[in-house]
Amino acid sequence: MNTGLLLDMAAEAALERIAVGSLADGLSFAALKANAKAGASWLCAQPGETVVFIGLNGPALPLALFASGLADKPFAPLNYRLTDEDLRKLLARTAPSTAIVDQDMMARVAGVDGVQFISREAF
């Protein structure tokens, strides 16, 4: 079983139930599934083998998790509280990879060979 199957099961059971966020502006399981499929499609077109996430918690985190599962790529969340040097060392170990990074953290990790960066907002 992979994370994509978990999302399928949850969406099938409660399509309109809020999966991520608040009742006022959260994503339903149906929307999360649709966005994860779109994200997986994009990730499949990227050269990296691993999907890395560096950032604060929020809707982009589960979206990236499920998209990487649907794309059949390992998901590696890294702790943004690490020093810049440690983050860069860990990122280098994931290469080739695609890293989804909060915009304000991009400068801390940019330029690691073999890692393609995309901001959380763009993802």
N, C-alpha and C. Protein backbone atom coordinates (compact mmCIF):
# COMPACT_ATOMS: atom_id res chain seq x y z
N MET A 1 0.85 -1.17 0.00
CA MET A 1 0.00 0.00 0.00
C MET A 1 0.90 1.24 0.00
N ASN A 2 0.50 2.26 -0.79
CA ASN A 2 1.24 3.51 -0.77
C ASN A 2 0.32 4.65 -0.36
N THR A 3 0.88 5.83 -0.24
CA THR A 3 0.09 6.97 0.23
C THR A 3 -1.01 7.35 -0.76
N GLY A 4 -0.80 7.10 -2.03
CA GLY A 4 -1.84 7.37 -3.02
C GLY A 4 -3.08 6.54 -2.77
N LEU A 5 -2.89 5.28 -2.40
CA LEU A 5 -4.02 4.42 -2.08
C LEU A 5 -4.74 4.91 -0.84
N LEU A 6 -4.00 5.38 0.16
CA LEU A 6 -4.63 5.94 1.36
C LEU A 6 -5.52 7.13 1.00
N LEU A 7 -5.03 7.99 0.14
CA LEU A 7 -5.82 9.14 -0.29
C LEU A 7 -7.06 8.69 -1.05
N ASP A 8 -6.91 7.72 -1.93
CA ASP A 8 -8.07 7.19 -2.66
C ASP A 8 -9.13 6.65 -1.72
N MET A 9 -8.71 5.91 -0.71
CA MET A 9 -9.65 5.33 0.25
C MET A 9 -10.37 6.42 1.04
N ALA A 10 -9.63 7.43 1.49
CA ALA A 10 -10.22 8.52 2.26
C ALA A 10 -11.17 9.33 1.39
N ALA A 11 -10.78 9.60 0.16
CA ALA A 11 -11.62 10.38 -0.74
C ALA A 11 -12.90 9.62 -1.09
N GLU A 12 -12.78 8.33 -1.27
CA GLU A 12 -13.95 7.52 -1.59
C GLU A 12 -14.96 7.52 -0.44
N ALA A 13 -14.45 7.54 0.78
CA ALA A 13 -15.33 7.49 1.95
C ALA A 13 -15.97 8.84 2.25
N ALA A 14 -15.29 9.93 1.94
CA ALA A 14 -15.80 11.25 2.33
C ALA A 14 -15.32 12.32 1.37
N LEU A 15 -15.83 12.33 0.15
CA LEU A 15 -15.36 13.26 -0.88
C LEU A 15 -15.40 14.72 -0.47
N GLU A 16 -16.48 15.16 0.14
CA GLU A 16 -16.65 16.58 0.44
C GLU A 16 -16.19 16.97 1.84
N ARG A 17 -15.76 16.01 2.63
CA ARG A 17 -15.27 16.32 3.97
C ARG A 17 -13.94 17.06 3.86
N ILE A 18 -13.72 18.01 4.76
CA ILE A 18 -12.47 18.78 4.75
C ILE A 18 -11.32 17.90 5.22
N ALA A 19 -10.30 17.82 4.39
CA ALA A 19 -9.13 16.99 4.68
C ALA A 19 -8.00 17.82 5.28
N VAL A 20 -7.83 19.03 4.77
CA VAL A 20 -6.72 19.87 5.16
C VAL A 20 -7.22 21.30 5.32
N GLY A 21 -6.88 21.92 6.44
CA GLY A 21 -7.25 23.31 6.66
C GLY A 21 -8.52 23.47 7.47
N SER A 22 -9.02 24.67 7.49
CA SER A 22 -10.20 24.98 8.29
C SER A 22 -11.48 24.70 7.50
N LEU A 23 -12.60 24.67 8.22
CA LEU A 23 -13.89 24.46 7.56
C LEU A 23 -14.20 25.58 6.58
N ALA A 24 -13.74 26.78 6.87
CA ALA A 24 -14.04 27.93 6.03
C ALA A 24 -13.30 27.91 4.69
N ASP A 25 -12.04 27.51 4.70
CA ASP A 25 -11.26 27.59 3.46
C ASP A 25 -10.35 26.38 3.22
N GLY A 26 -10.68 25.25 3.83
CA GLY A 26 -9.85 24.06 3.68
C GLY A 26 -10.11 23.31 2.38
N LEU A 27 -9.28 22.32 2.15
CA LEU A 27 -9.42 21.46 0.97
C LEU A 27 -10.22 20.21 1.34
N SER A 28 -11.20 19.90 0.53
CA SER A 28 -11.94 18.65 0.72
C SER A 28 -11.06 17.50 0.25
N PHE A 29 -11.45 16.27 0.60
CA PHE A 29 -10.70 15.12 0.12
C PHE A 29 -10.71 15.06 -1.40
N ALA A 30 -11.84 15.44 -2.02
CA ALA A 30 -11.92 15.44 -3.48
C ALA A 30 -10.93 16.44 -4.07
N ALA A 31 -10.85 17.64 -3.50
CA ALA A 31 -9.92 18.66 -3.99
C ALA A 31 -8.48 18.25 -3.74
N LEU A 32 -8.21 17.68 -2.57
CA LEU A 32 -6.86 17.22 -2.26
C LEU A 32 -6.43 16.14 -3.25
N LYS A 33 -7.34 15.22 -3.56
CA LYS A 33 -7.02 14.15 -4.50
C LYS A 33 -6.75 14.73 -5.90
N ALA A 34 -7.59 15.66 -6.34
CA ALA A 34 -7.40 16.27 -7.67
C ALA A 34 -6.08 17.03 -7.73
N ASN A 35 -5.78 17.80 -6.68
CA ASN A 35 -4.52 18.56 -6.66
C ASN A 35 -3.32 17.62 -6.57
N ALA A 36 -3.44 16.55 -5.80
CA ALA A 36 -2.34 15.58 -5.69
C ALA A 36 -2.08 14.89 -7.03
N LYS A 37 -3.14 14.58 -7.75
CA LYS A 37 -2.95 13.97 -9.08
C LYS A 37 -2.25 14.94 -10.03
N ALA A 38 -2.64 16.20 -9.98
CA ALA A 38 -1.98 17.21 -10.82
C ALA A 38 -0.52 17.36 -10.41
N GLY A 39 -0.26 17.39 -9.10
CA GLY A 39 1.11 17.48 -8.61
C GLY A 39 1.94 16.26 -9.01
N ALA A 40 1.32 15.09 -8.96
CA ALA A 40 2.02 13.86 -9.35
C ALA A 40 2.38 13.88 -10.82
N SER A 41 1.48 14.38 -11.62
CA SER A 41 1.73 14.50 -13.05
C SER A 41 2.94 15.40 -13.30
N TRP A 42 2.99 16.52 -12.59
CA TRP A 42 4.11 17.44 -12.73
C TRP A 42 5.40 16.78 -12.23
N LEU A 43 5.34 16.10 -11.08
CA LEU A 43 6.53 15.46 -10.52
C LEU A 43 7.06 14.36 -11.44
N CYS A 44 6.18 13.64 -12.11
CA CYS A 44 6.63 12.58 -13.03
C CYS A 44 7.44 13.15 -14.20
N ALA A 45 7.17 14.40 -14.55
CA ALA A 45 7.89 15.04 -15.65
C ALA A 45 9.23 15.63 -15.21
N GLN A 46 9.50 15.61 -13.90
CA GLN A 46 10.74 16.18 -13.38
C GLN A 46 11.83 15.11 -13.34
N PRO A 47 13.08 15.50 -13.50
CA PRO A 47 14.17 14.52 -13.58
C PRO A 47 14.53 13.85 -12.26
N GLY A 48 14.23 14.44 -11.14
CA GLY A 48 14.67 13.89 -9.86
C GLY A 48 13.96 12.61 -9.47
N GLU A 49 14.63 11.81 -8.67
CA GLU A 49 14.06 10.55 -8.20
C GLU A 49 13.32 10.71 -6.88
N THR A 50 13.65 11.73 -6.11
CA THR A 50 13.11 11.94 -4.77
C THR A 50 12.43 13.30 -4.71
N VAL A 51 11.39 13.39 -3.87
CA VAL A 51 10.72 14.67 -3.62
C VAL A 51 11.08 15.10 -2.21
N VAL A 52 11.67 16.28 -2.09
CA VAL A 52 12.08 16.82 -0.80
C VAL A 52 11.15 17.97 -0.44
N PHE A 53 10.81 18.08 0.83
CA PHE A 53 9.99 19.19 1.30
C PHE A 53 10.71 19.89 2.44
N ILE A 54 10.88 21.21 2.30
CA ILE A 54 11.50 22.02 3.36
C ILE A 54 10.58 23.21 3.59
N GLY A 55 9.94 23.24 4.72
CA GLY A 55 9.06 24.37 4.99
C GLY A 55 8.17 24.14 6.19
N LEU A 56 7.34 25.15 6.43
CA LEU A 56 6.39 25.08 7.52
C LEU A 56 5.24 24.16 7.17
N ASN A 57 4.54 23.72 8.19
CA ASN A 57 3.38 22.87 7.98
C ASN A 57 2.28 23.68 7.31
N GLY A 58 1.48 23.03 6.51
CA GLY A 58 0.37 23.67 5.82
C GLY A 58 -0.14 22.75 4.73
N PRO A 59 -1.08 23.19 3.93
CA PRO A 59 -1.67 22.34 2.89
C PRO A 59 -0.65 21.80 1.88
N ALA A 60 0.44 22.52 1.65
CA ALA A 60 1.43 22.05 0.67
C ALA A 60 2.12 20.76 1.14
N LEU A 61 2.23 20.56 2.44
CA LEU A 61 2.91 19.37 2.94
C LEU A 61 2.15 18.09 2.60
N PRO A 62 0.86 17.95 2.99
CA PRO A 62 0.16 16.72 2.59
C PRO A 62 -0.01 16.61 1.07
N LEU A 63 -0.15 17.75 0.41
CA LEU A 63 -0.26 17.70 -1.04
C LEU A 63 1.01 17.12 -1.66
N ALA A 64 2.17 17.57 -1.20
CA ALA A 64 3.45 17.05 -1.70
C ALA A 64 3.61 15.57 -1.34
N LEU A 65 3.21 15.20 -0.13
CA LEU A 65 3.29 13.80 0.30
C LEU A 65 2.47 12.90 -0.62
N PHE A 66 1.21 13.25 -0.84
CA PHE A 66 0.34 12.42 -1.68
C PHE A 66 0.76 12.47 -3.15
N ALA A 67 1.18 13.63 -3.63
CA ALA A 67 1.64 13.73 -5.02
C ALA A 67 2.87 12.85 -5.25
N SER A 68 3.79 12.84 -4.31
CA SER A 68 4.98 12.01 -4.48
C SER A 68 4.62 10.53 -4.43
N GLY A 69 3.65 10.17 -3.59
CA GLY A 69 3.20 8.78 -3.55
C GLY A 69 2.56 8.36 -4.86
N LEU A 70 1.71 9.23 -5.41
CA LEU A 70 1.07 8.93 -6.70
C LEU A 70 2.08 8.89 -7.83
N ALA A 71 3.15 9.68 -7.71
CA ALA A 71 4.21 9.69 -8.73
C ALA A 71 5.21 8.55 -8.51
N ASP A 72 5.02 7.80 -7.45
CA ASP A 72 5.90 6.69 -7.09
C ASP A 72 7.34 7.15 -6.87
N LYS A 73 7.46 8.30 -6.16
CA LYS A 73 8.78 8.83 -5.82
C LYS A 73 8.87 8.95 -4.30
N PRO A 74 10.01 8.59 -3.72
CA PRO A 74 10.18 8.72 -2.27
C PRO A 74 10.01 10.16 -1.82
N PHE A 75 9.44 10.35 -0.63
CA PHE A 75 9.19 11.66 -0.06
C PHE A 75 10.13 11.86 1.12
N ALA A 76 10.86 12.97 1.11
CA ALA A 76 11.85 13.24 2.16
C ALA A 76 11.61 14.63 2.75
N PRO A 77 10.84 14.72 3.84
CA PRO A 77 10.70 16.03 4.49
C PRO A 77 11.94 16.32 5.32
N LEU A 78 12.49 17.51 5.17
CA LEU A 78 13.67 17.90 5.94
C LEU A 78 13.29 19.00 6.91
N ASN A 79 13.93 19.00 8.06
CA ASN A 79 13.62 19.96 9.11
C ASN A 79 14.23 21.32 8.78
N TYR A 80 13.36 22.30 8.58
CA TYR A 80 13.82 23.64 8.22
C TYR A 80 14.59 24.30 9.35
N ARG A 81 14.54 23.75 10.55
CA ARG A 81 15.26 24.34 11.69
C ARG A 81 16.74 23.97 11.71
N LEU A 82 17.14 23.06 10.84
CA LEU A 82 18.55 22.70 10.76
C LEU A 82 19.37 23.90 10.28
N THR A 83 20.66 23.86 10.53
CA THR A 83 21.52 24.92 10.02
C THR A 83 21.57 24.84 8.50
N ASP A 84 21.92 25.94 7.89
CA ASP A 84 22.01 25.96 6.43
C ASP A 84 22.97 24.89 5.93
N GLU A 85 24.09 24.75 6.61
CA GLU A 85 25.10 23.75 6.21
C GLU A 85 24.53 22.34 6.28
N ASP A 86 23.83 22.02 7.36
CA ASP A 86 23.25 20.67 7.50
C ASP A 86 22.15 20.43 6.46
N LEU A 87 21.32 21.44 6.22
CA LEU A 87 20.28 21.30 5.19
C LEU A 87 20.90 21.02 3.83
N ARG A 88 21.95 21.76 3.50
CA ARG A 88 22.60 21.59 2.21
C ARG A 88 23.25 20.20 2.08
N LYS A 89 23.83 19.70 3.17
CA LYS A 89 24.42 18.35 3.15
C LYS A 89 23.35 17.29 2.93
N LEU A 90 22.23 17.42 3.63
CA LEU A 90 21.14 16.45 3.46
C LEU A 90 20.54 16.53 2.07
N LEU A 91 20.36 17.74 1.56
CA LEU A 91 19.85 17.91 0.21
C LEU A 91 20.75 17.24 -0.81
N ALA A 92 22.04 17.41 -0.65
CA ALA A 92 23.01 16.81 -1.58
C ALA A 92 22.87 15.29 -1.59
N ARG A 93 22.52 14.71 -0.45
CA ARG A 93 22.35 13.25 -0.37
C ARG A 93 21.10 12.76 -1.08
N THR A 94 20.13 13.66 -1.33
CA THR A 94 18.91 13.25 -2.01
C THR A 94 19.02 13.34 -3.53
N ALA A 95 20.06 13.99 -4.03
CA ALA A 95 20.21 14.21 -5.47
C ALA A 95 20.29 12.88 -6.23
N PRO A 96 19.67 12.81 -7.39
CA PRO A 96 18.87 13.83 -8.05
C PRO A 96 17.48 13.91 -7.42
N SER A 97 17.02 15.13 -7.19
CA SER A 97 15.73 15.31 -6.54
C SER A 97 15.07 16.61 -6.94
N THR A 98 13.80 16.71 -6.58
CA THR A 98 13.04 17.95 -6.72
C THR A 98 12.70 18.40 -5.31
N ALA A 99 13.04 19.63 -4.97
CA ALA A 99 12.80 20.15 -3.62
C ALA A 99 11.73 21.23 -3.65
N ILE A 100 10.70 21.03 -2.84
CA ILE A 100 9.64 22.03 -2.65
C ILE A 100 10.02 22.78 -1.38
N VAL A 101 10.23 24.09 -1.53
CA VAL A 101 10.81 24.87 -0.44
C VAL A 101 10.01 26.15 -0.23
N ASP A 102 9.78 26.51 1.03
CA ASP A 102 9.16 27.80 1.33
C ASP A 102 10.01 28.91 0.72
N GLN A 103 9.36 29.90 0.14
CA GLN A 103 10.06 30.98 -0.56
C GLN A 103 11.12 31.65 0.31
N ASP A 104 10.80 31.91 1.59
CA ASP A 104 11.76 32.60 2.45
C ASP A 104 12.94 31.73 2.87
N MET A 105 12.90 30.44 2.56
CA MET A 105 14.01 29.54 2.88
C MET A 105 14.83 29.19 1.65
N MET A 106 14.38 29.64 0.49
CA MET A 106 15.02 29.28 -0.77
C MET A 106 16.50 29.68 -0.80
N ALA A 107 16.82 30.87 -0.33
CA ALA A 107 18.21 31.34 -0.36
C ALA A 107 19.13 30.47 0.50
N ARG A 108 18.57 29.85 1.52
CA ARG A 108 19.38 29.02 2.42
C ARG A 108 19.90 27.76 1.74
N VAL A 109 19.17 27.27 0.72
CA VAL A 109 19.52 25.97 0.15
C VAL A 109 19.80 25.98 -1.35
N ALA A 110 19.60 27.12 -1.99
CA ALA A 110 19.76 27.19 -3.45
C ALA A 110 21.16 26.80 -3.88
N GLY A 111 21.23 26.20 -5.06
CA GLY A 111 22.52 25.90 -5.66
C GLY A 111 23.11 24.55 -5.32
N VAL A 112 22.36 23.65 -4.72
CA VAL A 112 22.87 22.31 -4.44
C VAL A 112 22.80 21.50 -5.74
N ASP A 113 23.93 20.95 -6.17
CA ASP A 113 24.00 20.20 -7.42
C ASP A 113 23.04 19.01 -7.41
N GLY A 114 22.33 18.84 -8.52
CA GLY A 114 21.44 17.71 -8.68
C GLY A 114 20.07 17.90 -8.06
N VAL A 115 19.81 19.08 -7.50
CA VAL A 115 18.52 19.35 -6.88
C VAL A 115 17.83 20.47 -7.63
N GLN A 116 16.62 20.20 -8.08
CA GLN A 116 15.80 21.21 -8.74
C GLN A 116 14.88 21.80 -7.69
N PHE A 117 14.83 23.11 -7.59
CA PHE A 117 14.05 23.78 -6.57
C PHE A 117 12.78 24.39 -7.15
N ILE A 118 11.71 24.30 -6.38
CA ILE A 118 10.46 24.97 -6.70
C ILE A 118 9.89 25.53 -5.40
N SER A 119 9.36 26.72 -5.46
CA SER A 119 8.79 27.29 -4.25
C SER A 119 7.47 26.61 -3.91
N ARG A 120 7.14 26.62 -2.65
CA ARG A 120 5.87 26.05 -2.19
C ARG A 120 4.72 26.68 -2.95
N GLU A 121 4.76 27.99 -3.13
CA GLU A 121 3.68 28.71 -3.79
C GLU A 121 3.53 28.27 -5.24
N ALA A 122 4.63 28.05 -5.93
CA ALA A 122 4.58 27.62 -7.32
C ALA A 122 4.11 26.17 -7.45
N PHE A 123 4.41 25.34 -6.46
CA PHE A 123 3.98 23.96 -6.50
C PHE A 123 2.49 23.89 -6.31
